C-alpha cells in the first residue's frame, strides 16, 4: 500500500475518485428521492472487488450516515415534521430485520425481474395523475396508523432489509399516497425510517461477515456531504415538491432499465 493509499483509508486514488463523485451524487439523490444504491452497489462490486453479499452489507454504512446527516440538517432548518412517523418507523424496522435475515437464496435473474417490474409499475403510478403526489394537505396521523399503512411499511422494511436499492422510492410512495404526507414532509420521515432500520440490519450483516468497514466508511463520508447538499437544496428551493416528483420519475425510469437490462 502506498502512502497515498494509506492516507485515503486503503483506497487507490482511482477508487477514491469514484467514491468522491458517486458518494456525493448518491447522497444528494437518496436525500431527494432514492435509488442511489444502484450506483454504490456496482462500485463496491466492480471497482472494489467485493462479493455481492458483502457489497450489500457494506452499502448500509453509507446509507446510515447519509440519512443521519440529512436528518440533522433538516432539524437545523426548523422544518422537520415527524408527526405520524412512529408506527411507520416501527413497522419498517421489524420488516427490515426479517428482510436482512432473508438476504440469501434468490438468484440474481429472478431478483432483477421482480425489481424491474416493480419499478415499471411505480413509473406508471408517478406519471398517471401526478397531482396525487403534489397535494398540500395537512399530515394525517390517522392514516399513518391505519392497518394498510402499517402493512405497507412492514413490507417495504422487508425489502429494504433484503436489498437497499430503490427503497426510498417505495417509502415515498407509501408516505405520500397512503399516509398522505407531502413530498417534503415525507422525505424527512423517509430518512428517519431508513436511519432507524439501517442500524439493526448493519449489525446482522456484520455478524455474518458481510461488511467491509474500510470501503463503507470511506463512501459514507462522501454520501454524508451529498446528503447535506441535498437538504440545503430541498429546503431552500421554490416548488420543491414539483422538482422532487420530476427527479423521482427520472430515477425510477433509470432503475427499471438497470434491473431489466442489466
Protein backbone atom coordinates (compact mmCIF):
# COMPACT_ATOMS: atom_id res chain seq x y z
CA UNK A 1 0.00 0.00 0.00
CA UNK A 2 1.44 3.39 -0.98
CA UNK A 3 1.49 6.41 1.32
CA UNK A 4 -1.35 7.98 -0.69
CA UNK A 5 -3.47 4.82 -0.40
CA UNK A 6 -2.88 4.77 3.36
CA UNK A 7 -3.98 8.39 3.59
CA UNK A 8 -7.15 7.50 1.65
CA UNK A 9 -8.01 4.65 4.00
CA UNK A 10 -6.78 1.85 1.74
CA UNK A 11 -8.32 3.25 -1.45
CA UNK A 12 -6.26 3.83 -4.55
CA UNK A 13 -6.59 7.33 -5.95
CA UNK A 14 -8.73 5.95 -8.79
CA UNK A 15 -11.09 4.32 -6.27
CA UNK A 16 -11.11 7.50 -4.18
CA UNK A 17 -12.17 9.49 -7.25
CA UNK A 18 -15.05 7.10 -7.91
CA UNK A 19 -16.05 7.26 -4.26
CA UNK A 20 -15.99 11.07 -4.18
CA UNK A 21 -18.12 11.55 -7.30
CA UNK A 22 -20.52 8.67 -6.67
CA UNK A 23 -20.78 9.27 -2.93
CA UNK A 24 -21.74 12.93 -3.20
CA UNK A 25 -24.13 12.25 -6.08
CA UNK A 26 -25.90 9.38 -4.33
CA UNK A 27 -26.08 11.33 -1.08
CA UNK A 28 -27.99 14.05 -2.93
CA UNK A 29 -30.18 11.60 -4.85
CA UNK A 30 -31.04 9.45 -1.83
CA UNK A 31 -32.00 12.53 0.18
CA UNK A 32 -34.28 13.90 -2.55
CA UNK A 33 -35.70 10.64 -3.91
CA UNK A 34 -33.95 7.26 -3.74
CA UNK A 35 -32.17 4.53 -5.73
CA UNK A 36 -28.69 5.91 -5.12
CA UNK A 37 -27.64 2.39 -4.12
CA UNK A 38 -27.96 1.46 -7.79
CA UNK A 39 -24.71 3.43 -8.14
CA UNK A 40 -22.86 2.49 -4.95
CA UNK A 41 -23.52 -1.26 -5.09
CA UNK A 42 -21.88 -1.71 -8.53
CA UNK A 43 -18.90 0.37 -7.35
CA UNK A 44 -18.37 -1.91 -4.35
CA UNK A 45 -18.61 -4.97 -6.61
CA UNK A 46 -16.80 -3.90 -9.78
CA UNK A 47 -14.39 -1.20 -8.54
CA UNK A 48 -13.58 -2.59 -5.09
CA UNK A 49 -13.96 -6.28 -5.95
CA UNK A 50 -16.32 -7.13 -3.08
CA UNK A 51 -18.65 -10.14 -3.38
CA UNK A 52 -22.27 -9.09 -3.89
CA UNK A 53 -23.43 -10.12 -0.37
CA UNK A 54 -20.57 -8.14 1.20
CA UNK A 55 -21.33 -5.16 -1.04
CA UNK A 56 -24.97 -5.34 0.08
CA UNK A 57 -23.93 -5.23 3.74
CA UNK A 58 -21.19 -2.63 3.26
CA UNK A 59 -23.62 -0.32 1.48
CA UNK A 60 -25.63 0.03 4.72
CA UNK A 61 -22.86 2.10 6.36
CA UNK A 62 -23.21 4.96 3.87
CA UNK A 63 -27.00 4.72 3.95
CA UNK A 64 -26.99 5.11 7.73
CA UNK A 65 -24.53 8.01 7.75
CA UNK A 66 -26.22 9.96 4.95
CA UNK A 67 -29.68 9.51 6.50
CA UNK A 68 -28.46 10.68 9.90
CA UNK A 69 -26.63 13.61 8.32
CA UNK A 70 -29.69 14.69 6.34
CA UNK A 71 -31.93 14.41 9.41
CA UNK A 72 -29.54 16.61 11.37
CA UNK A 73 -29.66 19.17 8.57
CA UNK A 74 -33.48 19.07 8.49
CA UNK A 75 -33.51 19.62 12.26
CA UNK A 76 -31.38 22.73 11.85
CA UNK A 77 -33.83 24.26 9.37
CA UNK A 78 -36.75 24.07 11.77
CA UNK A 79 -38.81 22.32 9.07
CA UNK A 80 -38.51 18.77 10.36
CA UNK A 81 -42.05 17.39 10.73
CA UNK A 82 -42.30 13.86 12.07
CA UNK A 83 -45.97 13.67 13.04
CA UNK A 84 -47.35 10.21 12.38
CA UNK A 85 -43.90 8.67 11.96
CA UNK A 86 -43.83 6.28 14.95
CA UNK A 87 -45.76 3.35 13.53
CA UNK A 88 -44.19 3.54 10.06
CA UNK A 89 -40.74 3.51 11.67
CA UNK A 90 -41.52 0.54 13.93
CA UNK A 91 -43.22 -1.44 11.15
CA UNK A 92 -40.37 -0.85 8.70
CA UNK A 93 -37.73 -1.67 11.34
CA UNK A 94 -39.35 -5.03 12.15
CA UNK A 95 -39.69 -5.81 8.44
CA UNK A 96 -36.07 -4.84 7.75
CA UNK A 97 -34.76 -7.23 10.40
CA UNK A 98 -36.71 -10.04 8.74
CA UNK A 99 -35.58 -8.97 5.26
CA UNK A 100 -31.90 -8.82 6.17
CA UNK A 101 -32.11 -12.37 7.54
CA UNK A 102 -33.61 -13.50 4.24
CA UNK A 103 -30.99 -11.74 2.11
CA UNK A 104 -29.85 -15.01 0.55
CA UNK A 105 -31.47 -17.71 -1.58
CA UNK A 106 -32.88 -15.72 -4.52
CA UNK A 107 -30.94 -15.83 -7.76
CA UNK A 108 -29.91 -12.56 -9.40
CA UNK A 109 -32.02 -13.02 -12.54
CA UNK A 110 -35.26 -13.52 -10.62
CA UNK A 111 -34.49 -10.59 -8.32
CA UNK A 112 -33.80 -8.28 -11.26
CA UNK A 113 -37.06 -9.22 -12.98
CA UNK A 114 -39.08 -8.63 -9.82
CA UNK A 115 -37.44 -5.29 -9.08
CA UNK A 116 -37.67 -4.15 -12.70
CA UNK A 117 -41.37 -4.96 -12.76
CA UNK A 118 -41.94 -3.06 -9.52
CA UNK A 119 -40.09 -0.03 -10.87
CA UNK A 120 -42.13 -0.05 -14.09
CA UNK A 121 -45.31 -0.16 -12.01
CA UNK A 122 -44.05 2.72 -9.89
CA UNK A 123 -43.21 4.71 -13.02
CA UNK A 124 -46.83 4.40 -14.16
CA UNK A 125 -48.05 5.49 -10.72
CA UNK A 126 -45.79 8.55 -10.87
CA UNK A 127 -46.78 9.63 -14.37
CA UNK A 128 -50.54 8.99 -14.23
CA UNK A 129 -52.38 11.63 -12.21
CA UNK A 130 -49.27 13.39 -10.85
CA UNK A 131 -51.48 15.64 -8.73
CA UNK A 132 -51.71 12.81 -6.17
CA UNK A 133 -48.03 13.40 -5.41
CA UNK A 134 -48.28 17.19 -5.23
CA UNK A 135 -51.08 17.70 -2.74
CA UNK A 136 -50.68 20.21 0.07
CA UNK A 137 -52.98 18.62 2.64
CA UNK A 138 -52.06 18.55 6.31
CA UNK A 139 -50.31 15.43 7.57
CA UNK A 140 -52.79 12.72 8.53
CA UNK A 141 -51.63 10.93 11.66
CA UNK A 142 -54.69 8.66 11.48
CA UNK A 143 -53.72 7.46 8.01
CA UNK A 144 -50.20 6.68 9.22
CA UNK A 145 -51.75 4.43 11.86
CA UNK A 146 -54.10 2.59 9.50
CA UNK A 147 -53.61 -1.17 9.01
CA UNK A 148 -52.89 -0.60 5.31
CA UNK A 149 -50.17 1.92 6.13
CA UNK A 150 -48.54 -0.29 8.76
CA UNK A 151 -48.62 -3.30 6.42
CA UNK A 152 -47.09 -1.26 3.60
CA UNK A 153 -44.22 -0.03 5.77
CA UNK A 154 -43.58 -3.53 7.08
CA UNK A 155 -43.37 -4.88 3.51
CA UNK A 156 -41.07 -2.03 2.47
CA UNK A 157 -38.94 -2.71 5.52
CA UNK A 158 -38.55 -6.36 4.47
CA UNK A 159 -37.44 -5.20 1.03
CA UNK A 160 -35.08 -2.58 2.50
CA UNK A 161 -33.52 -5.16 4.79
CA UNK A 162 -33.07 -7.53 1.88
CA UNK A 163 -31.57 -5.06 -0.59
CA UNK A 164 -31.46 -1.29 -0.12
CA UNK A 165 -31.63 -0.18 -3.78
CA UNK A 166 -34.86 1.70 -4.56
CA UNK A 167 -36.34 1.57 -1.06
CA UNK A 168 -36.57 5.37 -0.83
CA UNK A 169 -38.95 5.45 -3.77
CA UNK A 170 -41.26 2.86 -2.21
CA UNK A 171 -41.17 4.68 1.13
CA UNK A 172 -42.11 7.98 -0.50
CA UNK A 173 -44.94 6.27 -2.37
CA UNK A 174 -46.36 4.87 0.88
CA UNK A 175 -45.89 8.14 2.75
CA UNK A 176 -47.47 10.31 0.06
CA UNK A 177 -50.14 8.06 -1.47
CA UNK A 178 -51.23 6.10 1.62
CA UNK A 179 -50.31 8.18 4.68
CA UNK A 180 -50.97 11.46 2.79
CA UNK A 181 -47.81 13.30 3.71
CA UNK A 182 -46.48 15.90 1.30
CA UNK A 183 -43.32 15.00 -0.60
CA UNK A 184 -41.30 17.42 1.54
CA UNK A 185 -42.54 16.11 4.90
CA UNK A 186 -42.44 12.54 3.56
CA UNK A 187 -38.78 12.98 2.68
CA UNK A 188 -37.88 13.71 6.29
CA UNK A 189 -39.81 10.70 7.60
CA UNK A 190 -38.28 8.53 4.87
CA UNK A 191 -34.83 9.47 6.18
CA UNK A 192 -35.87 8.65 9.75
CA UNK A 193 -37.23 5.25 8.71
CA UNK A 194 -34.08 4.35 6.76
CA UNK A 195 -31.75 5.53 9.55
CA UNK A 196 -33.70 3.52 12.13
CA UNK A 197 -33.69 0.21 10.30
CA UNK A 198 -30.13 0.58 8.98
CA UNK A 199 -28.73 0.04 12.48
CA UNK A 200 -30.08 -3.50 13.12
CA UNK A 201 -29.58 -4.58 9.50
CA UNK A 202 -25.96 -3.43 9.59
CA UNK A 203 -25.44 -5.45 12.78
CA UNK A 204 -26.95 -8.54 11.15
CA UNK A 205 -24.75 -8.25 8.05
CA UNK A 206 -21.71 -7.66 10.27
CA UNK A 207 -22.48 -10.80 12.29
CA UNK A 208 -22.41 -12.73 9.01
CA UNK A 209 -19.04 -11.20 7.98
CA UNK A 210 -20.65 -9.26 5.14
CA UNK A 211 -19.39 -5.74 5.91
CA UNK A 212 -16.17 -4.09 4.73
CA UNK A 213 -15.79 -1.13 7.09
CA UNK A 214 -12.91 0.49 5.20
CA UNK A 215 -14.81 0.88 1.96
CA UNK A 216 -18.12 1.51 3.73
CA UNK A 217 -16.87 4.35 5.91
CA UNK A 218 -14.96 5.93 3.01
CA UNK A 219 -18.11 6.03 0.89
CA UNK A 220 -20.15 7.22 3.89
CA UNK A 221 -18.05 10.39 4.21
CA UNK A 222 -18.91 11.48 0.67
CA UNK A 223 -22.54 10.37 0.94
CA UNK A 224 -22.95 12.49 4.07
CA UNK A 225 -21.63 15.51 2.16
CA UNK A 226 -24.15 14.79 -0.60
CA UNK A 227 -26.96 14.49 1.94
CA UNK A 228 -26.04 17.89 3.38
CA UNK A 229 -26.18 19.40 -0.11
CA UNK A 230 -29.49 17.65 -0.78
CA UNK A 231 -31.23 19.05 2.28
CA UNK A 232 -29.94 22.55 1.58
CA UNK A 233 -31.35 22.20 -1.95
CA UNK A 234 -34.74 20.86 -0.84
CA UNK A 235 -35.34 23.34 1.97
CA UNK A 236 -34.29 26.44 0.04
CA UNK A 237 -35.83 25.63 -3.33
CA UNK A 238 -39.16 27.05 -4.51
CA UNK A 239 -41.67 24.38 -5.63
CA UNK A 240 -39.57 21.65 -4.02
CA UNK A 241 -42.32 19.01 -4.33
CA UNK A 242 -42.54 19.52 -8.10
CA UNK A 243 -38.80 19.04 -8.55
CA UNK A 244 -38.71 16.01 -6.25
CA UNK A 245 -41.53 14.47 -8.30
CA UNK A 246 -39.59 15.03 -11.52
CA UNK A 247 -36.44 13.54 -10.02
CA UNK A 248 -38.44 10.53 -8.87
CA UNK A 249 -39.62 9.90 -12.44
CA UNK A 250 -36.05 10.02 -13.75
CA UNK A 251 -34.70 7.75 -11.01
CA UNK A 252 -37.50 5.18 -11.32
CA UNK A 253 -37.09 5.02 -15.10
CA UNK A 254 -33.33 4.55 -14.71
CA UNK A 255 -33.82 1.89 -12.06
CA UNK A 256 -36.27 -0.04 -14.25
CA UNK A 257 -33.80 -0.05 -17.15
CA UNK A 258 -30.95 -1.11 -14.84
CA UNK A 259 -32.83 -4.02 -13.31
CA UNK A 260 -34.40 -5.31 -16.54
CA UNK A 261 -31.49 -4.84 -18.92
CA UNK A 262 -28.58 -5.28 -16.51
